[in-house]
Amino acid sequence: MRETKELDQFKMNVFMKKMIEIYNAGALNLMISIGHRTGLFDTMAEMPRSTSEQIAAKAGLNERYVKEWLGAMVTGRIVYYNPEDKTYSLPREHAALLTRAATPNNLAVTTQWLSVLGEVEDEIVECFKKGGGVPYSSYNRFHEVMAEESAQTVVSALIDHILPLVPGLPESLRRGIEVLEVGCGSGRALNQMASEFPNSKFIGYDISEEAINTARSEATKSGLTNVKFEVKDVSNIGASERFNLIAVFDAIHDQAKPDKVLREISNALRPDGTFLMQDIAGSSYVHKNLDHQIAPLIYTMSCMHCMTVSLAQGGAGLGAAWGEELALKMLKEAGFNKVEVKQLPHDFINSYFIANK
């Protein structure tokens, strides 16, 4: 006869409280994303205590929706409310983490991902049942949000913090070298480098025609003549010892054939060249990620985007949580005999792999 154990009521109550916190946090995530997209945080940061009518008028938005949004912000302790004159205010300390002026510290940018991922939930559920993956084409606003995220995590820190992680690299770029970015997306990082280092030549590859068109347009607007972008399957770079520097920012784990991409990068790199790879910081082992500040977010984004877009191409489905241990193993197998892993003091999300043959 099966033994029946009594439930621990204390544990149940603790978990119930946690679930309620999850409900509220998920709801606030959506509303913060709306606040970012509509410019409400930017508007309120420049206003004194104001009524919902005044805030809506200043932002050029519908007051009824603004008032309901403010209700979520007030009860979520993000916006302050004065019941005597019915005014709202965004504390300066909160504005310093929620406005476009706060870049690279604008945490509101990342909240957009849950809306992007939520749009493909039905397709992901089908994948749980039948396998396979969800293609890039199913994701609305992916490149738009990715470009904003890249501006925060990569572009803002690129010149002063990321490139100097490689000894002597800024000086080499000033003298003039040949650089490739694999999985360049909308090209913000490469265009910034091209602008900063006019003596160097830059090329960006990405499989997305939409992203490449955006990158080309931005380069043209900026009058850059030392950078070009190509739509290309990066598992077939087809170059031999051409580039002094190859960079990949948050893209290897999305690839259908990440092992082949890394081998192609190794082949395309000159013998004395450097491969700079930025990817999500963390371990390949789930139990070692228990104390990671955003581990649930990483695994969620991996399941609902990074892993599944790879599987949709018949790929490896590596995922964002592939971790440092597996990354080092794959780099070695690709021909990189010397690899250093570095992190920036202000960036707990990413690791920077500096690899040489």
Protein backbone atom coordinates (compact mmCIF):
# COMPACT_ATOMS: atom_id res chain seq x y z
CA MET A 1 0.00 0.00 0.00
CA ARG A 2 1.35 3.42 -0.99
CA GLU A 3 2.33 5.55 1.98
CA THR A 4 0.56 8.91 2.12
CA LYS A 5 2.70 11.77 3.38
CA GLU A 6 1.17 14.92 4.79
CA LEU A 7 1.97 18.10 2.94
CA ASP A 8 4.22 20.63 4.67
CA GLN A 9 1.87 23.61 5.03
CA PHE A 10 4.73 26.02 5.71
CA LYS A 11 6.47 25.05 2.45
CA MET A 12 3.17 25.41 0.60
CA ASN A 13 2.62 28.92 1.98
CA VAL A 14 6.17 29.98 1.09
CA PHE A 15 5.74 28.72 -2.47
CA MET A 16 2.31 30.35 -2.76
CA LYS A 17 3.90 33.67 -1.82
CA LYS A 18 6.59 33.09 -4.43
CA MET A 19 3.94 32.40 -7.09
CA ILE A 20 2.12 35.63 -6.27
CA GLU A 21 5.43 37.50 -6.59
CA ILE A 22 5.91 35.86 -10.01
CA TYR A 23 2.43 36.95 -11.14
CA ASN A 24 3.12 40.55 -10.16
CA ALA A 25 6.66 40.60 -11.56
CA GLY A 26 5.46 39.18 -14.88
CA ALA A 27 2.69 41.77 -15.09
CA LEU A 28 5.06 44.61 -14.25
CA ASN A 29 7.53 43.38 -16.87
CA LEU A 30 4.87 43.86 -19.55
CA MET A 31 3.93 47.29 -18.29
CA ILE A 32 7.55 48.43 -18.03
CA SER A 33 8.03 47.34 -21.63
CA ILE A 34 5.03 49.47 -22.62
CA GLY A 35 6.42 52.37 -20.62
CA HIS A 36 9.65 52.10 -22.56
CA ARG A 37 8.08 51.72 -25.99
CA THR A 38 5.64 54.62 -25.51
CA GLY A 39 8.30 56.89 -24.03
CA LEU A 40 6.36 57.34 -20.79
CA PHE A 41 9.42 56.91 -18.58
CA ASP A 42 11.36 59.44 -20.68
CA THR A 43 8.44 61.88 -20.47
CA MET A 44 7.92 61.53 -16.72
CA ALA A 45 11.64 61.89 -16.01
CA GLU A 46 11.45 65.44 -17.38
CA MET A 47 8.25 66.42 -15.54
CA PRO A 48 7.50 67.56 -12.00
CA ARG A 49 4.68 65.86 -10.10
CA SER A 50 1.84 65.74 -12.61
CA THR A 51 -1.67 64.41 -13.13
CA SER A 52 -2.44 61.58 -15.51
CA GLU A 53 -3.99 64.13 -17.89
CA GLN A 54 -0.79 66.19 -17.91
CA ILE A 55 1.44 63.17 -18.42
CA ALA A 56 -0.73 61.84 -21.26
CA ALA A 57 -0.80 65.24 -22.96
CA LYS A 58 2.98 65.64 -22.70
CA ALA A 59 3.57 62.13 -24.07
CA GLY A 60 0.92 62.49 -26.78
CA LEU A 61 -0.96 59.41 -25.55
CA ASN A 62 -4.49 58.41 -24.58
CA GLU A 63 -5.17 59.44 -20.97
CA ARG A 64 -7.35 56.46 -20.07
CA TYR A 65 -4.58 54.01 -20.96
CA VAL A 66 -1.93 56.16 -19.27
CA LYS A 67 -3.97 56.26 -16.06
CA GLU A 68 -4.32 52.47 -15.97
CA TRP A 69 -0.61 52.06 -16.69
CA LEU A 70 0.16 54.46 -13.86
CA GLY A 71 -1.95 52.27 -11.56
CA ALA A 72 0.36 49.35 -12.25
CA MET A 73 3.43 51.54 -11.80
CA VAL A 74 2.24 52.96 -8.47
CA THR A 75 1.19 49.64 -6.95
CA GLY A 76 4.42 48.13 -8.26
CA ARG A 77 6.37 50.82 -6.33
CA ILE A 78 7.95 52.18 -9.51
CA VAL A 79 6.08 55.51 -9.67
CA TYR A 80 5.12 57.58 -6.62
CA TYR A 81 1.56 58.87 -6.16
CA ASN A 82 0.24 61.77 -4.09
CA PRO A 83 -3.48 61.13 -3.35
CA GLU A 84 -4.06 64.72 -2.17
CA ASP A 85 -3.58 66.32 -5.58
CA LYS A 86 -3.69 63.09 -7.63
CA THR A 87 -0.20 63.56 -9.05
CA TYR A 88 2.40 61.06 -10.11
CA SER A 89 6.19 61.26 -10.16
CA LEU A 90 9.05 59.07 -11.32
CA PRO A 91 11.89 59.12 -8.76
CA ARG A 92 15.25 60.17 -10.17
CA GLU A 93 16.80 56.95 -8.91
CA HIS A 94 14.24 54.93 -10.88
CA ALA A 95 14.61 57.13 -13.96
CA ALA A 96 18.35 56.38 -13.85
CA LEU A 97 17.50 52.75 -14.68
CA LEU A 98 14.43 53.14 -16.90
CA THR A 99 15.02 55.92 -19.44
CA ARG A 100 16.79 56.18 -22.76
CA ALA A 101 18.99 58.89 -21.26
CA ALA A 102 20.23 56.23 -18.80
CA THR A 103 21.78 54.04 -21.52
CA PRO A 104 23.73 51.77 -20.96
CA ASN A 105 21.86 51.32 -17.67
CA ASN A 106 18.34 51.35 -19.13
CA LEU A 107 16.92 48.12 -17.72
CA ALA A 108 13.57 48.73 -19.42
CA VAL A 109 15.06 47.63 -22.75
CA THR A 110 15.37 44.00 -21.65
CA THR A 111 11.73 43.80 -20.51
CA GLN A 112 10.70 43.83 -24.19
CA TRP A 113 12.02 40.29 -24.65
CA LEU A 114 9.17 38.66 -22.75
CA SER A 115 6.63 40.21 -25.12
CA VAL A 116 8.66 39.10 -28.14
CA LEU A 117 8.92 35.58 -26.75
CA GLY A 118 5.27 35.47 -25.67
CA GLU A 119 4.17 35.84 -29.29
CA VAL A 120 5.61 32.41 -30.14
CA GLU A 121 4.35 30.54 -27.06
CA ASP A 122 1.84 28.48 -29.06
CA GLU A 123 4.55 27.41 -31.50
CA ILE A 124 6.92 26.54 -28.66
CA VAL A 125 4.23 24.38 -27.03
CA GLU A 126 3.88 22.48 -30.31
CA CYS A 127 7.65 21.95 -30.32
CA PHE A 128 7.41 20.44 -26.84
CA LYS A 129 4.95 17.92 -28.29
CA LYS A 130 6.48 17.27 -31.70
CA GLY A 131 10.07 18.50 -31.54
CA GLY A 132 11.59 20.79 -34.15
CA GLY A 133 11.93 24.51 -33.70
CA VAL A 134 10.50 27.97 -34.30
CA PRO A 135 12.14 29.94 -37.16
CA TYR A 136 13.38 33.53 -36.96
CA SER A 137 10.51 34.59 -39.21
CA SER A 138 8.02 33.95 -36.39
CA TYR A 139 9.54 36.61 -34.15
CA ASN A 140 8.16 40.10 -34.58
CA ARG A 141 10.46 42.96 -33.57
CA PHE A 142 13.38 40.59 -32.91
CA HIS A 143 16.00 42.63 -34.78
CA GLU A 144 14.62 45.90 -33.42
CA VAL A 145 14.88 44.74 -29.80
CA MET A 146 18.20 42.97 -30.39
CA ALA A 147 19.66 46.19 -31.78
CA GLU A 148 18.55 48.08 -28.66
CA GLU A 149 19.97 45.36 -26.43
CA SER A 150 23.23 45.39 -28.37
CA ALA A 151 23.45 49.16 -27.97
CA GLN A 152 23.33 48.66 -24.22
CA THR A 153 25.54 45.63 -23.72
CA VAL A 154 28.06 45.92 -26.55
CA VAL A 155 28.10 49.25 -28.37
CA SER A 156 28.16 51.47 -25.28
CA ALA A 157 31.14 49.60 -23.81
CA LEU A 158 32.91 48.59 -27.02
CA ILE A 159 35.61 51.22 -27.46
CA ASP A 160 36.50 51.96 -23.84
CA HIS A 161 36.04 48.55 -22.22
CA ILE A 162 35.59 45.55 -24.55
CA LEU A 163 38.27 46.09 -27.20
CA PRO A 164 40.95 46.93 -24.59
CA LEU A 165 40.43 43.44 -23.12
CA VAL A 166 42.71 42.30 -25.96
CA PRO A 167 46.21 43.69 -25.29
CA GLY A 168 47.28 46.12 -28.01
CA LEU A 169 44.06 45.78 -30.04
CA PRO A 170 42.98 49.46 -30.01
CA GLU A 171 46.44 50.46 -31.22
CA SER A 172 46.34 47.87 -34.02
CA LEU A 173 42.91 49.10 -35.08
CA ARG A 174 44.21 52.68 -35.24
CA ARG A 175 47.11 51.60 -37.45
CA GLY A 176 44.84 49.56 -39.69
CA ILE A 177 43.83 45.89 -39.73
CA GLU A 178 41.16 43.74 -41.37
CA VAL A 179 38.18 42.86 -39.16
CA LEU A 180 35.24 40.49 -39.55
CA GLU A 181 32.13 40.39 -37.36
CA VAL A 182 30.20 37.13 -37.58
CA GLY A 183 26.46 37.41 -36.87
CA CYS A 184 26.64 41.20 -37.04
CA GLY A 185 22.86 41.74 -36.89
CA SER A 186 21.95 45.36 -37.55
CA GLY A 187 25.61 46.35 -37.55
CA ARG A 188 25.72 48.81 -34.68
CA ALA A 189 28.97 47.49 -33.21
CA LEU A 190 30.75 47.23 -36.55
CA ASN A 191 29.62 50.66 -37.69
CA GLN A 192 30.88 52.13 -34.45
CA MET A 193 34.28 50.48 -34.92
CA ALA A 194 34.43 51.64 -38.53
CA SER A 195 33.76 55.20 -37.42
CA GLU A 196 36.29 55.07 -34.58
CA PHE A 197 39.07 53.41 -36.59
CA PRO A 198 39.08 54.79 -40.17
CA ASN A 199 42.38 53.09 -41.10
CA SER A 200 40.95 49.61 -40.57
CA LYS A 201 38.66 47.67 -42.91
CA PHE A 202 35.51 46.00 -41.58
CA ILE A 203 33.08 43.43 -42.93
CA GLY A 204 29.96 42.01 -41.30
CA TYR A 205 28.16 38.75 -42.10
CA ASP A 206 24.64 37.83 -41.04
CA ILE A 207 22.02 35.44 -42.39
CA SER A 208 19.22 38.01 -42.00
CA GLU A 209 18.63 40.21 -45.04
CA GLU A 210 16.50 42.55 -42.90
CA ALA A 211 19.34 43.10 -40.43
CA ILE A 212 21.95 43.55 -43.16
CA ASN A 213 19.80 46.15 -44.93
CA THR A 214 19.54 48.09 -41.67
CA ALA A 215 23.31 47.87 -41.17
CA ARG A 216 24.00 49.12 -44.69
CA SER A 217 21.55 51.98 -44.30
CA GLU A 218 23.19 53.12 -41.06
CA ALA A 219 26.65 52.93 -42.62
CA THR A 220 25.50 55.04 -45.56
CA LYS A 221 23.89 57.62 -43.27
CA SER A 222 27.16 57.89 -41.35
CA GLY A 223 29.21 58.22 -44.54
CA LEU A 224 31.33 55.18 -43.72
CA THR A 225 33.43 53.83 -46.61
CA ASN A 226 35.57 51.31 -44.70
CA VAL A 227 32.77 48.89 -43.80
CA LYS A 228 30.54 46.55 -45.80
CA PHE A 229 27.86 44.04 -44.92
CA GLU A 230 26.88 40.78 -46.61
CA VAL A 231 24.04 38.31 -46.22
CA LYS A 232 25.91 35.09 -45.59
CA ASP A 233 25.61 31.67 -43.98
CA VAL A 234 28.47 31.93 -41.48
CA SER A 235 28.91 28.17 -41.35
CA ASN A 236 30.57 28.68 -44.74
CA ILE A 237 32.78 31.76 -44.43
CA GLY A 238 35.19 30.29 -46.97
CA ALA A 239 38.22 32.43 -46.09
CA SER A 240 41.76 31.32 -45.27
CA GLU A 241 44.01 33.30 -42.89
CA ARG A 242 42.51 36.61 -44.00
CA PHE A 243 41.47 38.52 -40.88
CA ASN A 244 43.48 40.03 -38.03
CA LEU A 245 40.43 40.15 -35.79
CA ILE A 246 37.17 38.23 -35.85
CA ALA A 247 34.48 39.23 -33.38
CA VAL A 248 31.20 37.58 -32.43
CA PHE A 249 28.84 39.29 -30.03
CA ASP A 250 26.18 37.03 -28.49
CA ALA A 251 25.67 34.93 -31.62
CA ILE A 252 27.54 31.60 -31.52
CA HIS A 253 24.96 29.87 -29.33
CA ASP A 254 22.19 30.69 -31.86
CA GLN A 255 23.93 28.98 -34.76
CA ALA A 256 22.58 25.84 -36.39
CA LYS A 257 26.15 24.51 -36.69
CA PRO A 258 28.15 26.28 -33.99
CA ASP A 259 31.06 23.82 -34.20
CA LYS A 260 31.41 24.41 -37.96
CA VAL A 261 31.11 28.19 -37.51
CA LEU A 262 33.95 28.13 -34.96
CA ARG A 263 36.13 26.05 -37.32
CA GLU A 264 35.40 28.47 -40.17
CA ILE A 265 36.37 31.37 -37.90
CA SER A 266 39.61 29.60 -36.98
CA ASN A 267 40.40 29.02 -40.65
CA ALA A 268 39.62 32.64 -41.58
CA LEU A 269 41.88 34.05 -38.86
CA ARG A 270 45.51 34.86 -39.54
CA PRO A 271 48.05 32.84 -37.51
CA ASP A 272 48.73 35.84 -35.27
CA GLY A 273 45.09 36.99 -35.25
CA THR A 274 42.58 37.13 -32.40
CA PHE A 275 39.08 35.81 -32.03
CA LEU A 276 36.96 37.87 -29.61
CA MET A 277 33.74 36.14 -28.59
CA GLN A 278 31.19 37.64 -26.22
CA ASP A 279 28.56 35.25 -24.88
CA ILE A 280 26.30 34.69 -21.90
CA ALA A 281 28.20 34.16 -18.64
CA GLY A 282 27.34 31.00 -16.78
CA SER A 283 28.09 27.33 -16.40
CA SER A 284 27.23 24.41 -18.65
CA TYR A 285 25.86 22.69 -15.53
CA VAL A 286 22.49 23.78 -14.20
CA HIS A 287 23.37 23.23 -10.53
CA LYS A 288 26.23 25.71 -10.88
CA ASN A 289 23.81 28.40 -12.09
CA LEU A 290 21.58 28.36 -8.99
CA ASP A 291 23.10 31.61 -7.72
CA HIS A 292 23.21 33.32 -11.12
CA GLN A 293 21.19 36.54 -10.84
CA ILE A 294 19.23 36.01 -14.07
CA ALA A 295 19.51 32.25 -14.66
CA PRO A 296 15.72 31.72 -15.08
CA LEU A 297 15.65 34.49 -17.71
CA ILE A 298 18.61 32.96 -19.56
CA TYR A 299 17.04 29.49 -19.68
CA THR A 300 13.69 30.99 -20.74
CA MET A 301 15.21 33.02 -23.56
CA SER A 302 17.22 29.97 -24.59
CA CYS A 303 14.18 27.69 -24.72
CA MET A 304 11.96 30.20 -26.48
CA HIS A 305 14.49 31.67 -28.90
CA CYS A 306 18.18 30.74 -29.00
CA MET A 307 17.77 26.96 -28.84
CA THR A 308 14.62 26.75 -30.94
CA VAL A 309 15.79 28.90 -33.87
CA SER A 310 18.78 26.60 -34.20
CA LEU A 311 16.58 23.50 -34.07
CA ALA A 312 14.28 25.05 -36.69
CA GLN A 313 17.24 24.88 -39.10
CA GLY A 314 17.94 21.27 -38.20
CA GLY A 315 20.76 22.52 -36.01
CA ALA A 316 22.41 21.59 -32.73
CA GLY A 317 20.10 23.64 -30.49
CA LEU A 318 23.04 24.72 -28.33
CA GLY A 319 21.09 27.42 -26.50
CA ALA A 320 22.08 30.49 -24.50
CA ALA A 321 22.93 28.38 -21.44
CA TRP A 322 25.68 26.39 -23.20
CA GLY A 323 28.08 27.71 -20.59
CA GLU A 324 31.77 28.39 -20.21
CA GLU A 325 32.86 24.75 -19.93
CA LEU A 326 31.33 23.71 -23.24
CA ALA A 327 32.45 26.94 -24.91
CA LEU A 328 36.07 26.27 -23.96
CA LYS A 329 35.84 22.68 -25.19
CA MET A 330 34.39 23.74 -28.54
CA LEU A 331 36.97 26.51 -28.99
CA LYS A 332 39.77 24.01 -28.44
CA GLU A 333 38.23 21.56 -30.91
CA ALA A 334 38.01 24.40 -33.47
CA GLY A 335 41.75 24.96 -33.28
CA PHE A 336 42.15 27.63 -30.60
CA ASN A 337 44.98 26.54 -28.32
CA LYS A 338 45.05 29.60 -26.10
CA VAL A 339 41.83 30.99 -24.62
CA GLU A 340 41.36 33.55 -21.85
CA VAL A 341 37.96 34.28 -20.30
CA LYS A 342 37.47 37.80 -19.00
CA GLN A 343 34.59 39.77 -17.52
CA LEU A 344 33.97 43.47 -17.11
CA PRO A 345 33.27 44.77 -13.58
CA HIS A 346 29.99 46.38 -14.60
CA ASP A 347 28.73 43.44 -16.70
CA PHE A 348 27.66 40.28 -14.86
CA ILE A 349 25.68 39.01 -17.85
CA ASN A 350 28.50 38.39 -20.33
CA SER A 351 31.86 36.66 -20.59
CA TYR A 352 34.51 37.62 -23.13
CA PHE A 353 36.57 34.81 -24.66
CA ILE A 354 39.88 35.92 -26.17
CA ALA A 355 41.12 33.08 -28.35
CA ASN A 356 44.30 32.56 -30.36
CA LYS A 357 45.49 29.66 -32.49
